[in-house]
Amino acid sequence: APLDLVQQVKQAHRAFPSGVTVVTAQFDGRPVGLAVSAFS
């Protein structure tokens, strides 16, 4: 996508409140995870 479109899409997404989730798993006996806002 053109850069200006990407920036406009980011701005539009900032107008949409979302919950904050952390997605996790066990891998090789240790926990891994990251923050994710796209959850539904």
PDB file of all heavy atoms in Angstrom:
ATOM      1  N   ALA A   1       0.844  -1.201   0.000  1.00  0.00           N
ATOM      2  CA  ALA A   1       0.000   0.000   0.000  1.00  0.00           C
ATOM      3  C   ALA A   1       0.878   1.250   0.000  1.00  0.00           C
ATOM      4  O   ALA A   1       1.965   1.251   0.581  1.00  0.00           O
ATOM      5  CB  ALA A   1      -0.892  -0.001   1.228  1.00  0.00           C
ATOM      6  N   PRO A   2       0.414   2.313  -0.642  1.00  0.00           N
ATOM      7  CA  PRO A   2       1.151   3.579  -0.589  1.00  0.00           C
ATOM      8  C   PRO A   2       1.297   4.051   0.859  1.00  0.00           C
ATOM      9  O   PRO A   2       0.400   3.838   1.681  1.00  0.00           O
ATOM     10  CB  PRO A   2       0.278   4.545  -1.384  1.00  0.00           C
ATOM     11  CG  PRO A   2      -0.690   3.698  -2.130  1.00  0.00           C
ATOM     12  CD  PRO A   2      -0.812   2.404  -1.391  1.00  0.00           C
ATOM     13  N   LEU A   3       2.429   4.664   1.164  1.00  0.00           N
ATOM     14  CA  LEU A   3       2.724   5.083   2.529  1.00  0.00           C
ATOM     15  C   LEU A   3       1.638   5.977   3.110  1.00  0.00           C
ATOM     16  O   LEU A   3       1.270   5.825   4.270  1.00  0.00           O
ATOM     17  CB  LEU A   3       4.082   5.783   2.592  1.00  0.00           C
ATOM     18  CG  LEU A   3       4.571   6.152   4.002  1.00  0.00           C
ATOM     19  CD1 LEU A   3       4.651   4.902   4.885  1.00  0.00           C
ATOM     20  CD2 LEU A   3       5.925   6.817   3.923  1.00  0.00           C
ATOM     21  N   ASP A   4       1.108   6.922   2.330  1.00  0.00           N
ATOM     22  CA  ASP A   4       0.077   7.807   2.865  1.00  0.00           C
ATOM     23  C   ASP A   4      -1.173   7.019   3.249  1.00  0.00           C
ATOM     24  O   ASP A   4      -1.825   7.317   4.236  1.00  0.00           O
ATOM     25  CB  ASP A   4      -0.256   8.943   1.906  1.00  0.00           C
ATOM     26  CG  ASP A   4      -0.761   8.467   0.547  1.00  0.00           C
ATOM     27  OD1 ASP A   4      -0.363   7.377   0.093  1.00  0.00           O
ATOM     28  OD2 ASP A   4      -1.567   9.205  -0.050  1.00  0.00           O
ATOM     29  N   LEU A   5      -1.514   5.965   2.498  1.00  0.00           N
ATOM     30  CA  LEU A   5      -2.656   5.122   2.845  1.00  0.00           C
ATOM     31  C   LEU A   5      -2.383   4.377   4.146  1.00  0.00           C
ATOM     32  O   LEU A   5      -3.251   4.295   5.017  1.00  0.00           O
ATOM     33  CB  LEU A   5      -2.975   4.145   1.721  1.00  0.00           C
ATOM     34  CG  LEU A   5      -4.116   3.162   2.012  1.00  0.00           C
ATOM     35  CD1 LEU A   5      -5.425   3.920   2.256  1.00  0.00           C
ATOM     36  CD2 LEU A   5      -4.257   2.160   0.880  1.00  0.00           C
ATOM     37  N   VAL A   6      -1.178   3.849   4.287  1.00  0.00           N
ATOM     38  CA  VAL A   6      -0.807   3.144   5.521  1.00  0.00           C
ATOM     39  C   VAL A   6      -0.947   4.078   6.725  1.00  0.00           C
ATOM     40  O   VAL A   6      -1.507   3.700   7.755  1.00  0.00           O
ATOM     41  CB  VAL A   6       0.625   2.574   5.424  1.00  0.00           C
ATOM     42  CG1 VAL A   6       1.092   2.033   6.768  1.00  0.00           C
ATOM     43  CG2 VAL A   6       0.693   1.490   4.350  1.00  0.00           C
ATOM     44  N   GLN A   7      -0.458   5.300   6.609  1.00  0.00           N
ATOM     45  CA  GLN A   7      -0.564   6.261   7.713  1.00  0.00           C
ATOM     46  C   GLN A   7      -2.018   6.589   8.028  1.00  0.00           C
ATOM     47  O   GLN A   7      -2.397   6.718   9.192  1.00  0.00           O
ATOM     48  CB  GLN A   7       0.225   7.539   7.395  1.00  0.00           C
ATOM     49  CG  GLN A   7       1.726   7.325   7.316  1.00  0.00           C
ATOM     50  CD  GLN A   7       2.310   6.669   8.561  1.00  0.00           C
ATOM     51  OE1 GLN A   7       1.922   6.949   9.674  1.00  0.00           O
ATOM     52  NE2 GLN A   7       3.230   5.743   8.350  1.00  0.00           N
ATOM     53  N   GLN A   8      -2.838   6.736   7.002  1.00  0.00           N
ATOM     54  CA  GLN A   8      -4.259   7.016   7.215  1.00  0.00           C
ATOM     55  C   GLN A   8      -4.961   5.843   7.890  1.00  0.00           C
ATOM     56  O   GLN A   8      -5.804   6.039   8.768  1.00  0.00           O
ATOM     57  CB  GLN A   8      -4.949   7.351   5.890  1.00  0.00           C
ATOM     58  CG  GLN A   8      -4.534   8.684   5.324  1.00  0.00           C
ATOM     59  CD  GLN A   8      -5.107   8.910   3.938  1.00  0.00           C
ATOM     60  OE1 GLN A   8      -5.341   7.970   3.183  1.00  0.00           O
ATOM     61  NE2 GLN A   8      -5.339  10.172   3.608  1.00  0.00           N
ATOM     62  N   VAL A   9      -4.609   4.633   7.498  1.00  0.00           N
ATOM     63  CA  VAL A   9      -5.200   3.446   8.124  1.00  0.00           C
ATOM     64  C   VAL A   9      -4.788   3.364   9.587  1.00  0.00           C
ATOM     65  O   VAL A   9      -5.611   3.094  10.464  1.00  0.00           O
ATOM     66  CB  VAL A   9      -4.826   2.166   7.345  1.00  0.00           C
ATOM     67  CG1 VAL A   9      -5.211   0.919   8.123  1.00  0.00           C
ATOM     68  CG2 VAL A   9      -5.474   2.168   5.972  1.00  0.00           C
ATOM     69  N   LYS A  10      -3.520   3.638   9.890  1.00  0.00           N
ATOM     70  CA  LYS A  10      -3.063   3.640  11.285  1.00  0.00           C
ATOM     71  C   LYS A  10      -3.837   4.675  12.097  1.00  0.00           C
ATOM     72  O   LYS A  10      -4.254   4.409  13.224  1.00  0.00           O
ATOM     73  CB  LYS A  10      -1.562   3.927  11.372  1.00  0.00           C
ATOM     74  CG  LYS A  10      -0.698   2.758  10.978  1.00  0.00           C
ATOM     75  CD  LYS A  10       0.773   3.111  11.116  1.00  0.00           C
ATOM     76  CE  LYS A  10       1.658   1.958  10.714  1.00  0.00           C
ATOM     77  NZ  LYS A  10       3.079   2.287  10.885  1.00  0.00           N
ATOM     78  N   GLN A  11      -4.032   5.853  11.531  1.00  0.00           N
ATOM     79  CA  GLN A  11      -4.781   6.898  12.218  1.00  0.00           C
ATOM     80  C   GLN A  11      -6.223   6.452  12.467  1.00  0.00           C
ATOM     81  O   GLN A  11      -6.777   6.669  13.550  1.00  0.00           O
ATOM     82  CB  GLN A  11      -4.772   8.194  11.418  1.00  0.00           C
ATOM     83  CG  GLN A  11      -5.510   9.333  12.110  1.00  0.00           C
ATOM     84  CD  GLN A  11      -5.444  10.624  11.309  1.00  0.00           C
ATOM     85  OE1 GLN A  11      -4.766  10.711  10.292  1.00  0.00           O
ATOM     86  NE2 GLN A  11      -6.157  11.631  11.775  1.00  0.00           N
ATOM     87  N   ALA A  12      -6.829   5.828  11.492  1.00  0.00           N
ATOM     88  CA  ALA A  12      -8.203   5.340  11.655  1.00  0.00           C
ATOM     89  C   ALA A  12      -8.276   4.275  12.739  1.00  0.00           C
ATOM     90  O   ALA A  12      -9.201   4.273  13.563  1.00  0.00           O
ATOM     91  CB  ALA A  12      -8.725   4.796  10.329  1.00  0.00           C
ATOM     92  N   HIS A  13      -7.298   3.377  12.789  1.00  0.00           N
ATOM     93  CA  HIS A  13      -7.284   2.337  13.819  1.00  0.00           C
ATOM     94  C   HIS A  13      -7.147   2.930  15.223  1.00  0.00           C
ATOM     95  O   HIS A  13      -7.704   2.396  16.177  1.00  0.00           O
ATOM     96  CB  HIS A  13      -6.162   1.325  13.568  1.00  0.00           C
ATOM     97  CG  HIS A  13      -6.489   0.319  12.523  1.00  0.00           C
ATOM     98  ND1 HIS A  13      -7.461  -0.640  12.679  1.00  0.00           N
ATOM     99  CD2 HIS A  13      -5.974   0.131  11.276  1.00  0.00           C
ATOM    100  CE1 HIS A  13      -7.532  -1.390  11.596  1.00  0.00           C
ATOM    101  NE2 HIS A  13      -6.643  -0.930  10.720  1.00  0.00           N
ATOM    102  N   ARG A  14      -6.406   4.026  15.339  1.00  0.00           N
ATOM    103  CA  ARG A  14      -6.255   4.672  16.653  1.00  0.00           C
ATOM    104  C   ARG A  14      -7.585   5.182  17.185  1.00  0.00           C
ATOM    105  O   ARG A  14      -7.753   5.369  18.383  1.00  0.00           O
ATOM    106  CB  ARG A  14      -5.245   5.806  16.568  1.00  0.00           C
ATOM    107  CG  ARG A  14      -3.828   5.338  16.429  1.00  0.00           C
ATOM    108  CD  ARG A  14      -2.828   6.508  16.434  1.00  0.00           C
ATOM    109  NE  ARG A  14      -1.539   6.028  16.008  1.00  0.00           N
ATOM    110  CZ  ARG A  14      -0.984   6.293  14.819  1.00  0.00           C
ATOM    111  NH1 ARG A  14      -1.602   7.075  13.963  1.00  0.00           N
ATOM    112  NH2 ARG A  14       0.187   5.790  14.503  1.00  0.00           N
ATOM    113  N   ALA A  15      -8.543   5.400  16.312  1.00  0.00           N
ATOM    114  CA  ALA A  15      -9.865   5.877  16.734  1.00  0.00           C
ATOM    115  C   ALA A  15     -10.746   4.743  17.244  1.00  0.00           C
ATOM    116  O   ALA A  15     -11.824   4.992  17.784  1.00  0.00           O
ATOM    117  CB  ALA A  15     -10.566   6.574  15.565  1.00  0.00           C
ATOM    118  N   PHE A  16     -10.286   3.501  17.100  1.00  0.00           N
ATOM    119  CA  PHE A  16     -11.082   2.348  17.513  1.00  0.00           C
ATOM    120  C   PHE A  16     -10.507   1.759  18.799  1.00  0.00           C
ATOM    121  O   PHE A  16      -9.454   1.135  18.775  1.00  0.00           O
ATOM    122  CB  PHE A  16     -11.084   1.289  16.413  1.00  0.00           C
ATOM    123  CG  PHE A  16     -11.994   0.129  16.706  1.00  0.00           C
ATOM    124  CD1 PHE A  16     -13.366   0.278  16.662  1.00  0.00           C
ATOM    125  CD2 PHE A  16     -11.475  -1.107  17.042  1.00  0.00           C
ATOM    126  CE1 PHE A  16     -14.209  -0.778  16.926  1.00  0.00           C
ATOM    127  CE2 PHE A  16     -12.303  -2.173  17.311  1.00  0.00           C
ATOM    128  CZ  PHE A  16     -13.684  -2.009  17.257  1.00  0.00           C
ATOM    129  N   PRO A  17     -11.172   1.967  19.939  1.00  0.00           N
ATOM    130  CA  PRO A  17     -10.672   1.404  21.200  1.00  0.00           C
ATOM    131  C   PRO A  17     -10.725  -0.121  21.170  1.00  0.00           C
ATOM    132  O   PRO A  17     -11.637  -0.709  20.573  1.00  0.00           O
ATOM    133  CB  PRO A  17     -11.641   1.935  22.252  1.00  0.00           C
ATOM    134  CG  PRO A  17     -12.437   2.998  21.597  1.00  0.00           C
ATOM    135  CD  PRO A  17     -12.397   2.725  20.127  1.00  0.00           C
ATOM    136  N   SER A  18      -9.761  -0.735  21.806  1.00  0.00           N
ATOM    137  CA  SER A  18      -9.767  -2.193  21.903  1.00  0.00           C
ATOM    138  C   SER A  18      -9.228  -2.610  23.262  1.00  0.00           C
ATOM    139  O   SER A  18      -8.529  -1.854  23.931  1.00  0.00           O
ATOM    140  CB  SER A  18      -8.925  -2.822  20.792  1.00  0.00           C
ATOM    141  OG  SER A  18      -7.562  -2.530  20.982  1.00  0.00           O
ATOM    142  N   GLY A  19      -9.579  -3.810  23.639  1.00  0.00           N
ATOM    143  CA  GLY A  19      -8.988  -4.392  24.827  1.00  0.00           C
ATOM    144  C   GLY A  19      -7.553  -4.769  24.526  1.00  0.00           C
ATOM    145  O   GLY A  19      -7.113  -4.752  23.369  1.00  0.00           O
ATOM    146  N   VAL A  20      -6.815  -5.090  25.566  1.00  0.00           N
ATOM    147  CA  VAL A  20      -5.413  -5.475  25.406  1.00  0.00           C
ATOM    148  C   VAL A  20      -5.268  -6.912  25.874  1.00  0.00           C
ATOM    149  O   VAL A  20      -5.644  -7.241  27.003  1.00  0.00           O
ATOM    150  CB  VAL A  20      -4.482  -4.553  26.220  1.00  0.00           C
ATOM    151  CG1 VAL A  20      -3.023  -4.953  26.012  1.00  0.00           C
ATOM    152  CG2 VAL A  20      -4.706  -3.099  25.842  1.00  0.00           C
ATOM    153  N   THR A  21      -4.754  -7.755  25.000  1.00  0.00           N
ATOM    154  CA  THR A  21      -4.560  -9.154  25.352  1.00  0.00           C
ATOM    155  C   THR A  21      -3.089  -9.522  25.254  1.00  0.00           C
ATOM    156  O   THR A  21      -2.315  -8.888  24.541  1.00  0.00           O
ATOM    157  CB  THR A  21      -5.366 -10.090  24.428  1.00  0.00           C
ATOM    158  OG1 THR A  21      -4.917  -9.927  23.097  1.00  0.00           O
ATOM    159  CG2 THR A  21      -6.861  -9.807  24.514  1.00  0.00           C
ATOM    160  N   VAL A  22      -2.745 -10.562  25.999  1.00  0.00           N
ATOM    161  CA  VAL A  22      -1.423 -11.162  25.884  1.00  0.00           C
ATOM    162  C   VAL A  22      -1.648 -12.606  25.458  1.00  0.00           C
ATOM    163  O   VAL A  22      -2.398 -13.346  26.104  1.00  0.00           O
ATOM    164  CB  VAL A  22      -0.644 -11.089  27.212  1.00  0.00           C
ATOM    165  CG1 VAL A  22       0.616 -11.939  27.151  1.00  0.00           C
ATOM    166  CG2 VAL A  22      -0.282  -9.642  27.532  1.00  0.00           C
ATOM    167  N   VAL A  23      -1.030 -12.984  24.347  1.00  0.00           N
ATOM    168  CA  VAL A  23      -1.144 -14.338  23.815  1.00  0.00           C
ATOM    169  C   VAL A  23       0.122 -15.089  24.203  1.00  0.00           C
ATOM    170  O   VAL A  23       1.236 -14.591  24.007  1.00  0.00           O
ATOM    171  CB  VAL A  23      -1.322 -14.320  22.284  1.00  0.00           C
ATOM    172  CG1 VAL A  23      -1.379 -15.735  21.734  1.00  0.00           C
ATOM    173  CG2 VAL A  23      -2.575 -13.549  21.917  1.00  0.00           C
ATOM    174  N   THR A  24      -0.073 -16.298  24.752  1.00  0.00           N
ATOM    175  CA  THR A  24       1.052 -17.048  25.306  1.00  0.00           C
ATOM    176  C   THR A  24       1.008 -18.513  24.873  1.00  0.00           C
ATOM    177  O   THR A  24      -0.030 -19.018  24.431  1.00  0.00           O
ATOM    178  CB  THR A  24       1.015 -17.012  26.845  1.00  0.00           C
ATOM    179  OG1 THR A  24      -0.243 -17.548  27.281  1.00  0.00           O
ATOM    180  CG2 THR A  24       1.183 -15.604  27.374  1.00  0.00           C
ATOM    181  N   ALA A  25       2.143 -19.172  25.049  1.00  0.00           N
ATOM    182  CA  ALA A  25       2.245 -20.611  24.805  1.00  0.00           C
ATOM    183  C   ALA A  25       3.451 -21.127  25.575  1.00  0.00           C
ATOM    184  O   ALA A  25       4.296 -20.347  26.031  1.00  0.00           O
ATOM    185  CB  ALA A  25       2.410 -20.899  23.316  1.00  0.00           C
ATOM    186  N   GLN A  26       3.499 -22.425  25.728  1.00  0.00           N
ATOM    187  CA  GLN A  26       4.694 -23.087  26.253  1.00  0.00           C
ATOM    188  C   GLN A  26       5.469 -23.601  25.052  1.00  0.00           C
ATOM    189  O   GLN A  26       4.890 -24.223  24.160  1.00  0.00           O
ATOM    190  CB  GLN A  26       4.314 -24.273  27.141  1.00  0.00           C
ATOM    191  CG  GLN A  26       3.745 -23.887  28.478  1.00  0.00           C
ATOM    192  CD  GLN A  26       4.824 -23.546  29.511  1.00  0.00           C
ATOM    193  OE1 GLN A  26       6.024 -23.556  29.235  1.00  0.00           O
ATOM    194  NE2 GLN A  26       4.374 -23.220  30.692  1.00  0.00           N
ATOM    195  N   PHE A  27       6.765 -23.337  25.023  1.00  0.00           N
ATOM    196  CA  PHE A  27       7.594 -23.822  23.924  1.00  0.00           C
ATOM    197  C   PHE A  27       8.916 -24.301  24.497  1.00  0.00           C
ATOM    198  O   PHE A  27       9.623 -23.536  25.168  1.00  0.00           O
ATOM    199  CB  PHE A  27       7.815 -22.721  22.879  1.00  0.00           C
ATOM    200  CG  PHE A  27       8.542 -23.196  21.664  1.00  0.00           C
ATOM    201  CD1 PHE A  27       7.903 -24.001  20.732  1.00  0.00           C
ATOM    202  CD2 PHE A  27       9.865 -22.857  21.457  1.00  0.00           C
ATOM    203  CE1 PHE A  27       8.562 -24.454  19.615  1.00  0.00           C
ATOM    204  CE2 PHE A  27      10.546 -23.301  20.335  1.00  0.00           C
ATOM    205  CZ  PHE A  27       9.890 -24.104  19.408  1.00  0.00           C
ATOM    206  N   ASP A  28       9.237 -25.550  24.266  1.00  0.00           N
ATOM    207  CA  ASP A  28      10.452 -26.162  24.820  1.00  0.00           C
ATOM    208  C   ASP A  28      10.541 -25.960  26.326  1.00  0.00           C
ATOM    209  O   ASP A  28      11.608 -25.638  26.867  1.00  0.00           O
ATOM    210  CB  ASP A  28      11.706 -25.601  24.133  1.00  0.00           C
ATOM    211  CG  ASP A  28      11.898 -26.145  22.725  1.00  0.00           C
ATOM    212  OD1 ASP A  28      11.299 -27.190  22.404  1.00  0.00           O
ATOM    213  OD2 ASP A  28      12.648 -25.516  21.949  1.00  0.00           O
ATOM    214  N   GLY A  29       9.397 -26.072  27.013  1.00  0.00           N
ATOM    215  CA  GLY A  29       9.369 -25.989  28.465  1.00  0.00           C
ATOM    216  C   GLY A  29       9.451 -24.592  29.042  1.00  0.00           C
ATOM    217  O   GLY A  29       9.599 -24.419  30.248  1.00  0.00           O
ATOM    218  N   ARG A  30       9.347 -23.573  28.197  1.00  0.00           N
ATOM    219  CA  ARG A  30       9.398 -22.199  28.713  1.00  0.00           C
ATOM    220  C   ARG A  30       8.230 -21.400  28.138  1.00  0.00           C
ATOM    221  O   ARG A  30       7.798 -21.632  27.012  1.00  0.00           O
ATOM    222  CB  ARG A  30      10.729 -21.525  28.402  1.00  0.00           C
ATOM    223  CG  ARG A  30      11.021 -21.390  26.931  1.00  0.00           C
ATOM    224  CD  ARG A  30      12.358 -20.691  26.643  1.00  0.00           C
ATOM    225  NE  ARG A  30      12.583 -20.635  25.219  1.00  0.00           N
ATOM    226  CZ  ARG A  30      12.037 -19.740  24.407  1.00  0.00           C
ATOM    227  NH1 ARG A  30      11.253 -18.806  24.870  1.00  0.00           N
ATOM    228  NH2 ARG A  30      12.287 -19.768  23.109  1.00  0.00           N
ATOM    229  N   PRO A  31       7.741 -20.430  28.908  1.00  0.00           N
ATOM    230  CA  PRO A  31       6.630 -19.622  28.422  1.00  0.00           C
ATOM    231  C   PRO A  31       7.101 -18.554  27.442  1.00  0.00           C
ATOM    232  O   PRO A  31       8.180 -17.977  27.597  1.00  0.00           O
ATOM    233  CB  PRO A  31       6.079 -18.984  29.695  1.00  0.00           C
ATOM    234  CG  PRO A  31       7.258 -18.896  30.609  1.00  0.00           C
ATOM    235  CD  PRO A  31       8.121 -20.087  30.282  1.00  0.00           C
ATOM    236  N   VAL A  32       6.300 -18.317  26.420  1.00  0.00           N
ATOM    237  CA  VAL A  32       6.551 -17.250  25.452  1.00  0.00           C
ATOM    238  C   VAL A  32       5.252 -16.479  25.268  1.00  0.00           C
ATOM    239  O   VAL A  32       4.164 -17.014  25.498  1.00  0.00           O
ATOM    240  CB  VAL A  32       7.049 -17.789  24.085  1.00  0.00           C
ATOM    241  CG1 VAL A  32       8.389 -18.478  24.223  1.00  0.00           C
ATOM    242  CG2 VAL A  32       6.021 -18.718  23.464  1.00  0.00           C
ATOM    243  N   GLY A  33       5.359 -15.212  24.865  1.00  0.00           N
ATOM    244  CA  GLY A  33       4.137 -14.461  24.647  1.00  0.00           C
ATOM    245  C   GLY A  33       4.389 -13.055  24.154  1.00  0.00           C
ATOM    246  O   GLY A  33       5.519 -12.570  24.154  1.00  0.00           O
ATOM    247  N   LEU A  34       3.299 -12.404  23.727  1.00  0.00           N
ATOM    248  CA  LEU A  34       3.368 -11.037  23.248  1.00  0.00           C
ATOM    249  C   LEU A  34       2.003 -10.376  23.396  1.00  0.00           C
ATOM    250  O   LEU A  34       0.983 -11.051  23.507  1.00  0.00           O
ATOM    251  CB  LEU A  34       3.815 -10.984  21.785  1.00  0.00           C
ATOM    252  CG  LEU A  34       2.827 -11.461  20.725  1.00  0.00           C
ATOM    253  CD1 LEU A  34       3.246 -10.904  19.375  1.00  0.00           C
ATOM    254  CD2 LEU A  34       2.764 -12.963  20.668  1.00  0.00           C
ATOM    255  N   ALA A  35       2.014  -9.043  23.429  1.00  0.00           N
ATOM    256  CA  ALA A  35       0.783  -8.268  23.506  1.00  0.00           C
ATOM    257  C   ALA A  35       0.132  -8.238  22.128  1.00  0.00           C
ATOM    258  O   ALA A  35       0.815  -8.097  21.114  1.00  0.00           O
ATOM    259  CB  ALA A  35       1.071  -6.846  23.979  1.00  0.00           C
ATOM    260  N   VAL A  36      -1.197  -8.370  22.123  1.00  0.00           N
ATOM    261  CA  VAL A  36      -1.956  -8.393  20.878  1.00  0.00           C
ATOM    262  C   VAL A  36      -3.243  -7.605  21.086  1.00  0.00           C
ATOM    263  O   VAL A  36      -3.962  -7.826  22.059  1.00  0.00           O
ATOM    264  CB  VAL A  36      -2.305  -9.853  20.479  1.00  0.00           C
ATOM    265  CG1 VAL A  36      -3.250  -9.896  19.299  1.00  0.00           C
ATOM    266  CG2 VAL A  36      -1.049 -10.644  20.179  1.00  0.00           C
ATOM    267  N   SER A  37      -3.533  -6.693  20.166  1.00  0.00           N
ATOM    268  CA  SER A  37      -4.800  -5.959  20.268  1.00  0.00           C
ATOM    269  C   SER A  37      -5.865  -6.544  19.349  1.00  0.00           C
ATOM    270  O   SER A  37      -7.049  -6.289  19.528  1.00  0.00           O
ATOM    271  CB  SER A  37      -4.594  -4.470  19.963  1.00  0.00           C
ATOM    272  OG  SER A  37      -4.089  -4.310  18.667  1.00  0.00           O
ATOM    273  N   ALA A  38      -5.460  -7.338  18.353  1.00  0.00           N
ATOM    274  CA  ALA A  38      -6.418  -7.929  17.417  1.00  0.00           C
ATOM    275  C   ALA A  38      -6.897  -9.270  17.955  1.00  0.00           C
ATOM    276  O   ALA A  38      -6.310 -10.323  17.708  1.00  0.00           O
ATOM    277  CB  ALA A  38      -5.793  -8.075  16.045  1.00  0.00           C
ATOM    278  N   PHE A  39      -7.972  -9.227  18.707  1.00  0.00           N
ATOM    279  CA  PHE A  39      -8.590 -10.397  19.340  1.00  0.00           C
ATOM    280  C   PHE A  39     -10.093 -10.255  19.167  1.00  0.00           C
ATOM    281  O   PHE A  39     -10.631  -9.149  19.248  1.00  0.00           O
ATOM    282  CB  PHE A  39      -8.232 -10.418  20.831  1.00  0.00           C
ATOM    283  CG  PHE A  39      -9.139 -11.298  21.660  1.00  0.00           C
ATOM    284  CD1 PHE A  39      -8.950 -12.665  21.695  1.00  0.00           C
ATOM    285  CD2 PHE A  39     -10.173 -10.749  22.395  1.00  0.00           C
ATOM    286  CE1 PHE A  39      -9.787 -13.473  22.444  1.00  0.00           C
ATOM    287  CE2 PHE A  39     -11.014 -11.550  23.161  1.00  0.00           C
ATOM    288  CZ  PHE A  39     -10.819 -12.914  23.182  1.00  0.00           C
ATOM    289  N   SER A  40     -10.773 -11.364  18.897  1.00  0.00           N
ATOM    290  CA  SER A  40     -12.213 -11.281  18.710  1.00  0.00           C
ATOM    291  C   SER A  40     -12.881 -12.614  18.982  1.00  0.00           C
ATOM    292  O   SER A  40     -12.291 -13.678  18.766  1.00  0.00           O
ATOM    293  CB  SER A  40     -12.526 -10.856  17.276  1.00  0.00           C
ATOM    294  OG  SER A  40     -13.914 -10.753  17.065  1.00  0.00           O
TER     295      SER A  40
END
